[in-house]
């Protein structure tokens, strides 16, 4: 669920042509074979302080996906109900494009959605 949510959000941000790149074949295959998804969960990485600050700005009980390029990886931080520790999902390795960060926040209590830049 976390991987699929992150991948769909990346498609929203970057478009279908971007996510259809062979760079994303491994995560697409894992989504189709859920037992492989655990290979993409990064449990050894703590979010950077700047990322934690962004997460703290999300409304109470909200859902969020924050996606960033991190070194040569594309990584998503996915939290439901404003969890203390989000799932960190590696969406791609060997990424050599522009650096970026973007996020989508669903404040389902107040029926509003925000981009990270709006918080």
PDB file of N, CA and C in Angstrom:
ATOM      1  N   UNK A   1       0.822  -1.186   0.000  1.00  0.00           N
ATOM      2  CA  UNK A   1       0.000   0.000   0.000  1.00  0.00           C
ATOM      3  C   UNK A   1       0.875   1.262   0.000  1.00  0.00           C
ATOM      4  N   UNK A   2       1.930   1.276   0.810  1.00  0.00           N
ATOM      5  CA  UNK A   2       2.811   2.438   0.866  1.00  0.00           C
ATOM      6  C   UNK A   2       3.522   2.648  -0.472  1.00  0.00           C
ATOM      7  N   UNK A   3       4.034   1.568  -1.059  1.00  0.00           N
ATOM      8  CA  UNK A   3       4.763   1.670  -2.327  1.00  0.00           C
ATOM      9  C   UNK A   3       3.845   2.136  -3.441  1.00  0.00           C
ATOM     10  N   UNK A   4       2.659   1.582  -3.525  1.00  0.00           N
ATOM     11  CA  UNK A   4       1.705   1.966  -4.573  1.00  0.00           C
ATOM     12  C   UNK A   4       1.283   3.419  -4.398  1.00  0.00           C
ATOM     13  N   UNK A   5       1.032   3.831  -3.175  1.00  0.00           N
ATOM     14  CA  UNK A   5       0.661   5.222  -2.912  1.00  0.00           C
ATOM     15  C   UNK A   5       1.786   6.160  -3.330  1.00  0.00           C
ATOM     16  N   UNK A   6       3.017   5.814  -2.991  1.00  0.00           N
ATOM     17  CA  UNK A   6       4.168   6.644  -3.362  1.00  0.00           C
ATOM     18  C   UNK A   6       4.336   6.702  -4.871  1.00  0.00           C
ATOM     19  N   UNK A   7       4.219   5.560  -5.537  1.00  0.00           N
ATOM     20  CA  UNK A   7       4.403   5.512  -6.986  1.00  0.00           C
ATOM     21  C   UNK A   7       3.319   6.319  -7.710  1.00  0.00           C
ATOM     22  N   UNK A   8       2.075   6.192  -7.270  1.00  0.00           N
ATOM     23  CA  UNK A   8       0.991   6.967  -7.878  1.00  0.00           C
ATOM     24  C   UNK A   8       1.200   8.472  -7.682  1.00  0.00           C
ATOM     25  N   UNK A   9       1.703   8.840  -6.526  1.00  0.00           N
ATOM     26  CA  UNK A   9       1.962  10.255  -6.261  1.00  0.00           C
ATOM     27  C   UNK A   9       3.100  10.762  -7.147  1.00  0.00           C
ATOM     28  N   UNK A  10       4.135   9.958  -7.321  1.00  0.00           N
ATOM     29  CA  UNK A  10       5.220  10.330  -8.226  1.00  0.00           C
ATOM     30  C   UNK A  10       4.687  10.529  -9.642  1.00  0.00           C
ATOM     31  N   UNK A  11       3.779   9.661 -10.081  1.00  0.00           N
ATOM     32  CA  UNK A  11       3.175   9.805 -11.409  1.00  0.00           C
ATOM     33  C   UNK A  11       2.396  11.115 -11.507  1.00  0.00           C
ATOM     34  N   UNK A  12       1.702  11.485 -10.445  1.00  0.00           N
ATOM     35  CA  UNK A  12       0.984  12.762 -10.422  1.00  0.00           C
ATOM     36  C   UNK A  12       1.955  13.930 -10.578  1.00  0.00           C
ATOM     37  N   UNK A  13       3.070  13.880  -9.852  1.00  0.00           N
ATOM     38  CA  UNK A  13       4.038  14.973  -9.881  1.00  0.00           C
ATOM     39  C   UNK A  13       4.803  15.056 -11.195  1.00  0.00           C
ATOM     40  N   UNK A  14       5.243  13.916 -11.692  1.00  0.00           N
ATOM     41  CA  UNK A  14       6.189  13.901 -12.818  1.00  0.00           C
ATOM     42  C   UNK A  14       5.591  13.451 -14.144  1.00  0.00           C
ATOM     43  N   UNK A  15       4.403  12.879 -14.125  1.00  0.00           N
ATOM     44  CA  UNK A  15       3.748  12.454 -15.349  1.00  0.00           C
ATOM     45  C   UNK A  15       3.997  10.994 -15.681  1.00  0.00           C
ATOM     46  N   UNK A  16       3.108  10.461 -16.523  1.00  0.00           N
ATOM     47  CA  UNK A  16       3.171   9.039 -16.855  1.00  0.00           C
ATOM     48  C   UNK A  16       4.415   8.676 -17.653  1.00  0.00           C
ATOM     49  N   UNK A  17       4.851   9.547 -18.535  1.00  0.00           N
ATOM     50  CA  UNK A  17       6.047   9.242 -19.321  1.00  0.00           C
ATOM     51  C   UNK A  17       7.264   9.035 -18.414  1.00  0.00           C
ATOM     52  N   UNK A  18       7.378   9.852 -17.387  1.00  0.00           N
ATOM     53  CA  UNK A  18       8.490   9.749 -16.441  1.00  0.00           C
ATOM     54  C   UNK A  18       8.465   8.411 -15.709  1.00  0.00           C
ATOM     55  N   UNK A  19       7.317   8.037 -15.152  1.00  0.00           N
ATOM     56  CA  UNK A  19       7.258   6.815 -14.351  1.00  0.00           C
ATOM     57  C   UNK A  19       7.228   5.542 -15.197  1.00  0.00           C
ATOM     58  N   UNK A  20       7.010   5.669 -16.497  1.00  0.00           N
ATOM     59  CA  UNK A  20       7.073   4.497 -17.375  1.00  0.00           C
ATOM     60  C   UNK A  20       8.500   4.183 -17.807  1.00  0.00           C
ATOM     61  N   UNK A  21       9.436   5.008 -17.396  1.00  0.00           N
ATOM     62  CA  UNK A  21      10.850   4.761 -17.676  1.00  0.00           C
ATOM     63  C   UNK A  21      11.268   3.435 -17.047  1.00  0.00           C
ATOM     64  N   UNK A  22      12.237   2.770 -17.686  1.00  0.00           N
ATOM     65  CA  UNK A  22      12.714   1.495 -17.138  1.00  0.00           C
ATOM     66  C   UNK A  22      13.407   1.674 -15.790  1.00  0.00           C
ATOM     67  N   UNK A  23      13.713   2.896 -15.417  1.00  0.00           N
ATOM     68  CA  UNK A  23      14.264   3.181 -14.097  1.00  0.00           C
ATOM     69  C   UNK A  23      13.330   2.669 -12.993  1.00  0.00           C
ATOM     70  N   UNK A  24      12.035   2.646 -13.284  1.00  0.00           N
ATOM     71  CA  UNK A  24      11.029   2.261 -12.295  1.00  0.00           C
ATOM     72  C   UNK A  24      10.524   0.827 -12.459  1.00  0.00           C
ATOM     73  N   UNK A  25      11.127   0.043 -13.343  1.00  0.00           N
ATOM     74  CA  UNK A  25      10.711  -1.359 -13.515  1.00  0.00           C
ATOM     75  C   UNK A  25      10.744  -2.134 -12.201  1.00  0.00           C
ATOM     76  N   UNK A  26      11.805  -2.012 -11.401  1.00  0.00           N
ATOM     77  CA  UNK A  26      11.841  -2.788 -10.144  1.00  0.00           C
ATOM     78  C   UNK A  26      10.679  -2.485  -9.192  1.00  0.00           C
ATOM     79  N   UNK A  27      10.355  -1.227  -8.995  1.00  0.00           N
ATOM     80  CA  UNK A  27       9.264  -0.904  -8.062  1.00  0.00           C
ATOM     81  C   UNK A  27       7.915  -1.291  -8.667  1.00  0.00           C
ATOM     82  N   UNK A  28       7.746  -1.124  -9.979  1.00  0.00           N
ATOM     83  CA  UNK A  28       6.495  -1.552 -10.617  1.00  0.00           C
ATOM     84  C   UNK A  28       6.305  -3.061 -10.459  1.00  0.00           C
ATOM     85  N   UNK A  29       7.363  -3.827 -10.670  1.00  0.00           N
ATOM     86  CA  UNK A  29       7.283  -5.280 -10.504  1.00  0.00           C
ATOM     87  C   UNK A  29       6.973  -5.655  -9.058  1.00  0.00           C
ATOM     88  N   UNK A  30       7.559  -4.937  -8.121  1.00  0.00           N
ATOM     89  CA  UNK A  30       7.299  -5.216  -6.701  1.00  0.00           C
ATOM     90  C   UNK A  30       5.848  -4.912  -6.340  1.00  0.00           C
ATOM     91  N   UNK A  31       5.299  -3.854  -6.894  1.00  0.00           N
ATOM     92  CA  UNK A  31       3.901  -3.521  -6.612  1.00  0.00           C
ATOM     93  C   UNK A  31       2.984  -4.630  -7.119  1.00  0.00           C
ATOM     94  N   UNK A  32       3.344  -5.233  -8.245  1.00  0.00           N
ATOM     95  CA  UNK A  32       2.552  -6.343  -8.790  1.00  0.00           C
ATOM     96  C   UNK A  32       2.764  -7.643  -8.019  1.00  0.00           C
ATOM     97  N   UNK A  33       3.879  -7.729  -7.308  1.00  0.00           N
ATOM     98  CA  UNK A  33       4.226  -8.907  -6.493  1.00  0.00           C
ATOM     99  C   UNK A  33       4.534  -8.427  -5.083  1.00  0.00           C
ATOM    100  N   UNK A  34       3.507  -8.163  -4.293  1.00  0.00           N
ATOM    101  CA  UNK A  34       3.675  -7.490  -2.998  1.00  0.00           C
ATOM    102  C   UNK A  34       4.709  -8.094  -2.058  1.00  0.00           C
ATOM    103  N   UNK A  35       4.978  -9.380  -2.151  1.00  0.00           N
ATOM    104  CA  UNK A  35       5.994  -9.961  -1.266  1.00  0.00           C
ATOM    105  C   UNK A  35       7.366  -9.371  -1.540  1.00  0.00           C
ATOM    106  N   UNK A  36       7.567  -8.752  -2.703  1.00  0.00           N
ATOM    107  CA  UNK A  36       8.847  -8.121  -3.035  1.00  0.00           C
ATOM    108  C   UNK A  36       8.950  -6.684  -2.525  1.00  0.00           C
ATOM    109  N   UNK A  37       7.843  -6.100  -2.121  1.00  0.00           N
ATOM    110  CA  UNK A  37       7.845  -4.689  -1.715  1.00  0.00           C
ATOM    111  C   UNK A  37       8.757  -4.410  -0.534  1.00  0.00           C
ATOM    112  N   UNK A  38       8.916  -5.378   0.360  1.00  0.00           N
ATOM    113  CA  UNK A  38       9.745  -5.135   1.538  1.00  0.00           C
ATOM    114  C   UNK A  38      11.182  -4.798   1.167  1.00  0.00           C
ATOM    115  N   UNK A  39      11.621  -5.192  -0.032  1.00  0.00           N
ATOM    116  CA  UNK A  39      12.965  -4.855  -0.508  1.00  0.00           C
ATOM    117  C   UNK A  39      13.129  -3.354  -0.740  1.00  0.00           C
ATOM    118  N   UNK A  40      12.027  -2.641  -0.879  1.00  0.00           N
ATOM    119  CA  UNK A  40      12.068  -1.217  -1.189  1.00  0.00           C
ATOM    120  C   UNK A  40      11.809  -0.333   0.029  1.00  0.00           C
ATOM    121  N   UNK A  41      11.510  -0.953   1.157  1.00  0.00           N
ATOM    122  CA  UNK A  41      11.304  -0.213   2.401  1.00  0.00           C
ATOM    123  C   UNK A  41      12.677   0.035   3.015  1.00  0.00           C
ATOM    124  N   UNK A  42      12.965   1.289   3.256  1.00  0.00           N
ATOM    125  CA  UNK A  42      14.252   1.667   3.836  1.00  0.00           C
ATOM    126  C   UNK A  42      14.045   1.848   5.332  1.00  0.00           C
ATOM    127  N   UNK A  43      14.451   0.866   6.105  1.00  0.00           N
ATOM    128  CA  UNK A  43      14.237   0.954   7.546  1.00  0.00           C
ATOM    129  C   UNK A  43      15.490   1.379   8.297  1.00  0.00           C
ATOM    130  N   UNK A  44      16.570   1.604   7.578  1.00  0.00           N
ATOM    131  CA  UNK A  44      17.821   2.005   8.218  1.00  0.00           C
ATOM    132  C   UNK A  44      18.055   3.512   8.129  1.00  0.00           C
ATOM    133  N   UNK A  45      17.166   4.221   7.460  1.00  0.00           N
ATOM    134  CA  UNK A  45      17.348   5.650   7.242  1.00  0.00           C
ATOM    135  C   UNK A  45      16.364   6.430   8.093  1.00  0.00           C
ATOM    136  N   UNK A  46      16.883   7.345   8.859  1.00  0.00           N
ATOM    137  CA  UNK A  46      16.030   8.269   9.610  1.00  0.00           C
ATOM    138  C   UNK A  46      15.833   9.508   8.740  1.00  0.00           C
ATOM    139  N   UNK A  47      14.628  10.078   8.748  1.00  0.00           N
ATOM    140  CA  UNK A  47      14.413  11.294   7.962  1.00  0.00           C
ATOM    141  C   UNK A  47      15.321  12.431   8.423  1.00  0.00           C
ATOM    142  N   UNK A  48      15.799  13.206   7.471  1.00  0.00           N
ATOM    143  CA  UNK A  48      16.611  14.384   7.793  1.00  0.00           C
ATOM    144  C   UNK A  48      15.764  15.375   8.588  1.00  0.00           C
ATOM    145  N   UNK A  49      16.426  16.207   9.367  1.00  0.00           N
ATOM    146  CA  UNK A  49      15.718  17.199  10.187  1.00  0.00           C
ATOM    147  C   UNK A  49      14.829  18.093   9.333  1.00  0.00           C
ATOM    148  N   UNK A  50      15.286  18.466   8.146  1.00  0.00           N
ATOM    149  CA  UNK A  50      14.480  19.314   7.264  1.00  0.00           C
ATOM    150  C   UNK A  50      13.213  18.582   6.825  1.00  0.00           C
ATOM    151  N   UNK A  51      13.304  17.263   6.635  1.00  0.00           N
ATOM    152  CA  UNK A  51      12.136  16.468   6.260  1.00  0.00           C
ATOM    153  C   UNK A  51      11.178  16.353   7.434  1.00  0.00           C
ATOM    154  N   UNK A  52      11.712  16.181   8.625  1.00  0.00           N
ATOM    155  CA  UNK A  52      10.877  16.104   9.827  1.00  0.00           C
ATOM    156  C   UNK A  52      10.118  17.412  10.010  1.00  0.00           C
ATOM    157  N   UNK A  53      10.765  18.535   9.761  1.00  0.00           N
ATOM    158  CA  UNK A  53      10.098  19.835   9.857  1.00  0.00           C
ATOM    159  C   UNK A  53       8.916  19.912   8.897  1.00  0.00           C
ATOM    160  N   UNK A  54       9.096  19.400   7.686  1.00  0.00           N
ATOM    161  CA  UNK A  54       8.002  19.407   6.709  1.00  0.00           C
ATOM    162  C   UNK A  54       6.850  18.530   7.179  1.00  0.00           C
ATOM    163  N   UNK A  55       7.163  17.374   7.738  1.00  0.00           N
ATOM    164  CA  UNK A  55       6.125  16.464   8.218  1.00  0.00           C
ATOM    165  C   UNK A  55       5.348  17.064   9.382  1.00  0.00           C
ATOM    166  N   UNK A  56       6.042  17.808  10.233  1.00  0.00           N
ATOM    167  CA  UNK A  56       5.387  18.428  11.389  1.00  0.00           C
ATOM    168  C   UNK A  56       4.373  19.490  10.967  1.00  0.00           C
ATOM    169  N   UNK A  57       4.530  20.031   9.760  1.00  0.00           N
ATOM    170  CA  UNK A  57       3.611  21.059   9.275  1.00  0.00           C
ATOM    171  C   UNK A  57       2.303  20.478   8.745  1.00  0.00           C
ATOM    172  N   UNK A  58       2.233  19.160   8.609  1.00  0.00           N
ATOM    173  CA  UNK A  58       1.012  18.554   8.087  1.00  0.00           C
ATOM    174  C   UNK A  58      -0.072  18.558   9.163  1.00  0.00           C
ATOM    175  N   UNK A  59      -1.320  18.734   8.755  1.00  0.00           N
ATOM    176  CA  UNK A  59      -2.418  18.765   9.726  1.00  0.00           C
ATOM    177  C   UNK A  59      -2.567  17.448  10.492  1.00  0.00           C
ATOM    178  N   UNK A  60      -3.136  17.532  11.656  1.00  0.00           N
ATOM    179  CA  UNK A  60      -3.376  16.354  12.489  1.00  0.00           C
ATOM    180  C   UNK A  60      -4.189  15.315  11.723  1.00  0.00           C
ATOM    181  N   UNK A  61      -3.797  14.057  11.859  1.00  0.00           N
ATOM    182  CA  UNK A  61      -4.463  12.904  11.250  1.00  0.00           C
ATOM    183  C   UNK A  61      -4.439  12.909   9.722  1.00  0.00           C
ATOM    184  N   UNK A  62      -3.618  13.742   9.112  1.00  0.00           N
ATOM    185  CA  UNK A  62      -3.569  13.791   7.651  1.00  0.00           C
ATOM    186  C   UNK A  62      -2.729  12.644   7.092  1.00  0.00           C
ATOM    187  N   UNK A  63      -2.888  12.426   5.802  1.00  0.00           N
ATOM    188  CA  UNK A  63      -2.049  11.498   5.058  1.00  0.00           C
ATOM    189  C   UNK A  63      -1.102  12.356   4.235  1.00  0.00           C
ATOM    190  N   UNK A  64       0.129  11.884   4.042  1.00  0.00           N
ATOM    191  CA  UNK A  64       1.049  12.653   3.210  1.00  0.00           C
ATOM    192  C   UNK A  64       2.018  11.740   2.479  1.00  0.00           C
ATOM    193  N   UNK A  65       2.482  12.249   1.348  1.00  0.00           N
ATOM    194  CA  UNK A  65       3.548  11.621   0.586  1.00  0.00           C
ATOM    195  C   UNK A  65       4.508  12.734   0.204  1.00  0.00           C
ATOM    196  N   UNK A  66       5.750  12.607   0.632  1.00  0.00           N
ATOM    197  CA  UNK A  66       6.790  13.561   0.277  1.00  0.00           C
ATOM    198  C   UNK A  66       7.831  12.783  -0.515  1.00  0.00           C
ATOM    199  N   UNK A  67       8.101  13.246  -1.723  1.00  0.00           N
ATOM    200  CA  UNK A  67       9.031  12.538  -2.600  1.00  0.00           C
ATOM    201  C   UNK A  67      10.192  13.462  -2.919  1.00  0.00           C
ATOM    202  N   UNK A  68      11.393  12.900  -2.850  1.00  0.00           N
ATOM    203  CA  UNK A  68      12.584  13.692  -3.102  1.00  0.00           C
ATOM    204  C   UNK A  68      13.647  12.859  -3.798  1.00  0.00           C
ATOM    205  N   UNK A  69      14.489  13.551  -4.513  1.00  0.00           N
ATOM    206  CA  UNK A  69      15.684  12.891  -5.030  1.00  0.00           C
ATOM    207  C   UNK A  69      16.717  12.985  -3.911  1.00  0.00           C
ATOM    208  N   UNK A  70      17.357  11.877  -3.629  1.00  0.00           N
ATOM    209  CA  UNK A  70      18.303  11.804  -2.524  1.00  0.00           C
ATOM    210  C   UNK A  70      19.531  11.080  -3.047  1.00  0.00           C
ATOM    211  N   UNK A  71      20.607  11.838  -3.247  1.00  0.00           N
ATOM    212  CA  UNK A  71      21.805  11.322  -3.912  1.00  0.00           C
ATOM    213  C   UNK A  71      21.370  10.795  -5.280  1.00  0.00           C
ATOM    214  N   UNK A  72      21.541   9.535  -5.584  1.00  0.00           N
ATOM    215  CA  UNK A  72      21.117   9.011  -6.888  1.00  0.00           C
ATOM    216  C   UNK A  72      19.832   8.188  -6.779  1.00  0.00           C
ATOM    217  N   UNK A  73      19.074   8.414  -5.724  1.00  0.00           N
ATOM    218  CA  UNK A  73      17.824   7.680  -5.500  1.00  0.00           C
ATOM    219  C   UNK A  73      16.632   8.626  -5.534  1.00  0.00           C
ATOM    220  N   UNK A  74      15.472   8.044  -5.756  1.00  0.00           N
ATOM    221  CA  UNK A  74      14.213   8.761  -5.551  1.00  0.00           C
ATOM    222  C   UNK A  74      13.534   8.056  -4.392  1.00  0.00           C
ATOM    223  N   UNK A  75      13.241   8.827  -3.350  1.00  0.00           N
ATOM    224  CA  UNK A  75      12.739   8.278  -2.096  1.00  0.00           C
ATOM    225  C   UNK A  75      11.421   8.957  -1.739  1.00  0.00           C
ATOM    226  N   UNK A  76      10.490   8.166  -1.215  1.00  0.00           N
ATOM    227  CA  UNK A  76       9.203   8.705  -0.779  1.00  0.00           C
ATOM    228  C   UNK A  76       9.027   8.462   0.716  1.00  0.00           C
ATOM    229  N   UNK A  77       8.520   9.462   1.394  1.00  0.00           N
ATOM    230  CA  UNK A  77       8.135   9.362   2.798  1.00  0.00           C
ATOM    231  C   UNK A  77       6.612   9.338   2.806  1.00  0.00           C
ATOM    232  N   UNK A  78       6.037   8.237   3.279  1.00  0.00           N
ATOM    233  CA  UNK A  78       4.592   8.058   3.236  1.00  0.00           C
ATOM    234  C   UNK A  78       4.078   7.879   4.659  1.00  0.00           C
ATOM    235  N   UNK A  79       3.143   8.732   5.027  1.00  0.00           N
ATOM    236  CA  UNK A  79       2.554   8.635   6.360  1.00  0.00           C
ATOM    237  C   UNK A  79       1.040   8.690   6.284  1.00  0.00           C
ATOM    238  N   UNK A  80       0.412   7.801   7.022  1.00  0.00           N
ATOM    239  CA  UNK A  80      -1.044   7.804   7.131  1.00  0.00           C
ATOM    240  C   UNK A  80      -1.417   8.200   8.555  1.00  0.00           C
ATOM    241  N   UNK A  81      -2.421   9.028   8.678  1.00  0.00           N
ATOM    242  CA  UNK A  81      -2.910   9.504   9.978  1.00  0.00           C
ATOM    243  C   UNK A  81      -1.811  10.191  10.777  1.00  0.00           C
ATOM    244  N   UNK A  82      -0.872  10.811  10.062  1.00  0.00           N
ATOM    245  CA  UNK A  82       0.229  11.560  10.655  1.00  0.00           C
ATOM    246  C   UNK A  82       1.034  10.705  11.639  1.00  0.00           C
ATOM    247  N   UNK A  83       1.406   9.527  11.174  1.00  0.00           N
ATOM    248  CA  UNK A  83       2.215   8.609  11.976  1.00  0.00           C
ATOM    249  C   UNK A  83       3.486   9.294  12.467  1.00  0.00           C
ATOM    250  N   UNK A  84       4.006   8.817  13.576  1.00  0.00           N
ATOM    251  CA  UNK A  84       5.259   9.370  14.104  1.00  0.00           C
ATOM    252  C   UNK A  84       6.415   9.092  13.161  1.00  0.00           C
ATOM    253  N   UNK A  85       6.478   7.891  12.621  1.00  0.00           N
ATOM    254  CA  UNK A  85       7.553   7.520  11.705  1.00  0.00           C
ATOM    255  C   UNK A  85       6.944   7.076  10.384  1.00  0.00           C
ATOM    256  N   UNK A  86       7.186   7.813   9.329  1.00  0.00           N
ATOM    257  CA  UNK A  86       6.622   7.418   8.035  1.00  0.00           C
ATOM    258  C   UNK A  86       7.356   6.210   7.472  1.00  0.00           C
ATOM    259  N   UNK A  87       6.711   5.548   6.533  1.00  0.00           N
ATOM    260  CA  UNK A  87       7.406   4.514   5.758  1.00  0.00           C
ATOM    261  C   UNK A  87       8.295   5.247   4.760  1.00  0.00           C
ATOM    262  N   UNK A  88       9.497   4.763   4.589  1.00  0.00           N
ATOM    263  CA  UNK A  88      10.414   5.350   3.612  1.00  0.00           C
ATOM    264  C   UNK A  88      10.590   4.319   2.513  1.00  0.00           C
ATOM    265  N   UNK A  89      10.209   4.692   1.311  1.00  0.00           N
ATOM    266  CA  UNK A  89      10.189   3.780   0.176  1.00  0.00           C
ATOM    267  C   UNK A  89      11.172   4.270  -0.884  1.00  0.00           C
ATOM    268  N   UNK A  90      12.078   3.383  -1.297  1.00  0.00           N
ATOM    269  CA  UNK A  90      12.984   3.725  -2.400  1.00  0.00           C
ATOM    270  C   UNK A  90      12.263   3.398  -3.704  1.00  0.00           C
ATOM    271  N   UNK A  91      11.962   4.434  -4.481  1.00  0.00           N
ATOM    272  CA  UNK A  91      11.249   4.249  -5.739  1.00  0.00           C
ATOM    273  C   UNK A  91      12.184   3.970  -6.909  1.00  0.00           C
ATOM    274  N   UNK A  92      13.412   4.465  -6.824  1.00  0.00           N
ATOM    275  CA  UNK A  92      14.359   4.248  -7.927  1.00  0.00           C
ATOM    276  C   UNK A  92      15.787   4.447  -7.444  1.00  0.00           C
ATOM    277  N   UNK A  93      16.692   3.729  -8.082  1.00  0.00           N
ATOM    278  CA  UNK A  93      18.131   3.906  -7.896  1.00  0.00           C
ATOM    279  C   UNK A  93      18.705   4.429  -9.206  1.00  0.00           C
ATOM    280  N   UNK A  94      19.894   4.937  -9.138  1.00  0.00           N
ATOM    281  CA  UNK A  94      20.607   5.414 -10.334  1.00  0.00           C
ATOM    282  C   UNK A  94      19.872   6.527 -11.063  1.00  0.00           C
ATOM    283  N   UNK A  95      19.224   7.397 -10.307  1.00  0.00           N
ATOM    284  CA  UNK A  95      18.549   8.559 -10.877  1.00  0.00           C
ATOM    285  C   UNK A  95      19.588   9.647 -11.094  1.00  0.00           C
ATOM    286  N   UNK A  96      19.609  10.215 -12.285  1.00  0.00           N
ATOM    287  CA  UNK A  96      20.590  11.246 -12.606  1.00  0.00           C
ATOM    288  C   UNK A  96      19.931  12.510 -13.164  1.00  0.00           C
ATOM    289  N   UNK A  97      18.694  12.740 -12.821  1.00  0.00           N
ATOM    290  CA  UNK A  97      17.979  13.926 -13.282  1.00  0.00           C
ATOM    291  C   UNK A  97      18.131  15.080 -12.312  1.00  0.00           C
ATOM    292  N   UNK A  98      17.261  16.052 -12.490  1.00  0.00           N
ATOM    293  CA  UNK A  98      17.262  17.226 -11.621  1.00  0.00           C
ATOM    294  C   UNK A  98      16.875  16.845 -10.191  1.00  0.00           C
ATOM    295  N   UNK A  99      17.464  17.541  -9.239  1.00  0.00           N
ATOM    296  CA  UNK A  99      17.079  17.367  -7.833  1.00  0.00           C
ATOM    297  C   UNK A  99      15.684  17.954  -7.642  1.00  0.00           C
ATOM    298  N   UNK A 100      14.888  17.307  -6.817  1.00  0.00           N
ATOM    299  CA  UNK A 100      13.538  17.810  -6.580  1.00  0.00           C
ATOM    300  C   UNK A 100      13.032  17.336  -5.225  1.00  0.00           C
ATOM    301  N   UNK A 101      12.032  18.042  -4.753  1.00  0.00           N
ATOM    302  CA  UNK A 101      11.244  17.626  -3.600  1.00  0.00           C
ATOM    303  C   UNK A 101       9.833  18.140  -3.827  1.00  0.00           C
ATOM    304  N   UNK A 102       8.857  17.295  -3.569  1.00  0.00           N
ATOM    305  CA  UNK A 102       7.463  17.686  -3.705  1.00  0.00           C
ATOM    306  C   UNK A 102       6.652  16.823  -2.750  1.00  0.00           C
ATOM    307  N   UNK A 103       5.494  17.264  -2.428  1.00  0.00           N
ATOM    308  CA  UNK A 103       4.678  16.501  -1.505  1.00  0.00           C
ATOM    309  C   UNK A 103       3.202  16.775  -1.710  1.00  0.00           C
ATOM    310  N   UNK A 104       2.424  15.818  -1.311  1.00  0.00           N
ATOM    311  CA  UNK A 104       0.975  15.922  -1.359  1.00  0.00           C
ATOM    312  C   UNK A 104       0.455  15.572   0.024  1.00  0.00           C
ATOM    313  N   UNK A 105      -0.402  16.416   0.555  1.00  0.00           N
ATOM    314  CA  UNK A 105      -0.971  16.213   1.885  1.00  0.00           C
ATOM    315  C   UNK A 105      -2.480  16.160   1.745  1.00  0.00           C
ATOM    316  N   UNK A 106      -3.071  15.112   2.288  1.00  0.00           N
ATOM    317  CA  UNK A 106      -4.516  14.976   2.292  1.00  0.00           C
ATOM    318  C   UNK A 106      -5.010  15.177   3.723  1.00  0.00           C
ATOM    319  N   UNK A 107      -5.630  16.314   3.943  1.00  0.00           N
ATOM    320  CA  UNK A 107      -6.245  16.614   5.242  1.00  0.00           C
ATOM    321  C   UNK A 107      -7.695  16.153   5.137  1.00  0.00           C
ATOM    322  N   UNK A 108      -7.888  14.858   5.336  1.00  0.00           N
ATOM    323  CA  UNK A 108      -9.205  14.269   5.111  1.00  0.00           C
ATOM    324  C   UNK A 108     -10.227  14.737   6.137  1.00  0.00           C
ATOM    325  N   UNK A 109      -9.780  15.155   7.305  1.00  0.00           N
ATOM    326  CA  UNK A 109     -10.709  15.643   8.326  1.00  0.00           C
ATOM    327  C   UNK A 109     -11.409  16.902   7.828  1.00  0.00           C
ATOM    328  N   UNK A 110     -10.633  17.808   7.211  1.00  0.00           N
ATOM    329  CA  UNK A 110     -11.186  19.079   6.708  1.00  0.00           C
ATOM    330  C   UNK A 110     -11.472  19.048   5.216  1.00  0.00           C
ATOM    331  N   UNK A 111     -11.303  17.865   4.600  1.00  0.00           N
ATOM    332  CA  UNK A 111     -11.590  17.659   3.177  1.00  0.00           C
ATOM    333  C   UNK A 111     -10.809  18.631   2.287  1.00  0.00           C
ATOM    334  N   UNK A 112      -9.478  18.710   2.535  1.00  0.00           N
ATOM    335  CA  UNK A 112      -8.609  19.586   1.748  1.00  0.00           C
ATOM    336  C   UNK A 112      -7.346  18.832   1.355  1.00  0.00           C
ATOM    337  N   UNK A 113      -6.816  19.184   0.203  1.00  0.00           N
ATOM    338  CA  UNK A 113      -5.528  18.649  -0.223  1.00  0.00           C
ATOM    339  C   UNK A 113      -4.576  19.818  -0.435  1.00  0.00           C
ATOM    340  N   UNK A 114      -3.306  19.591  -0.131  1.00  0.00           N
ATOM    341  CA  UNK A 114      -2.289  20.611  -0.270  1.00  0.00           C
ATOM    342  C   UNK A 114      -1.068  20.020  -0.957  1.00  0.00           C
ATOM    343  N   UNK A 115      -0.376  20.856  -1.673  1.00  0.00           N
ATOM    344  CA  UNK A 115       0.976  20.495  -2.099  1.00  0.00           C
ATOM    345  C   UNK A 115       1.896  20.944  -0.979  1.00  0.00           C
ATOM    346  N   UNK A 116       3.034  20.322  -0.898  1.00  0.00           N
ATOM    347  CA  UNK A 116       3.994  20.624   0.160  1.00  0.00           C
ATOM    348  C   UNK A 116       4.314  22.115   0.208  1.00  0.00           C
ATOM    349  N   UNK A 117       4.432  22.728  -0.934  1.00  0.00           N
ATOM    350  CA  UNK A 117       4.774  24.158  -1.002  1.00  0.00           C
ATOM    351  C   UNK A 117       3.704  25.064  -0.396  1.00  0.00           C
ATOM    352  N   UNK A 118       2.508  24.549  -0.217  1.00  0.00           N
ATOM    353  CA  UNK A 118       1.398  25.361   0.333  1.00  0.00           C
ATOM    354  C   UNK A 118       1.376  25.357   1.864  1.00  0.00           C
ATOM    355  N   UNK A 119       2.145  24.488   2.482  1.00  0.00           N
ATOM    356  CA  UNK A 119       2.122  24.416   3.958  1.00  0.00           C
ATOM    357  C   UNK A 119       3.069  25.410   4.583  1.00  0.00           C
TER     358      UNK A 119
END
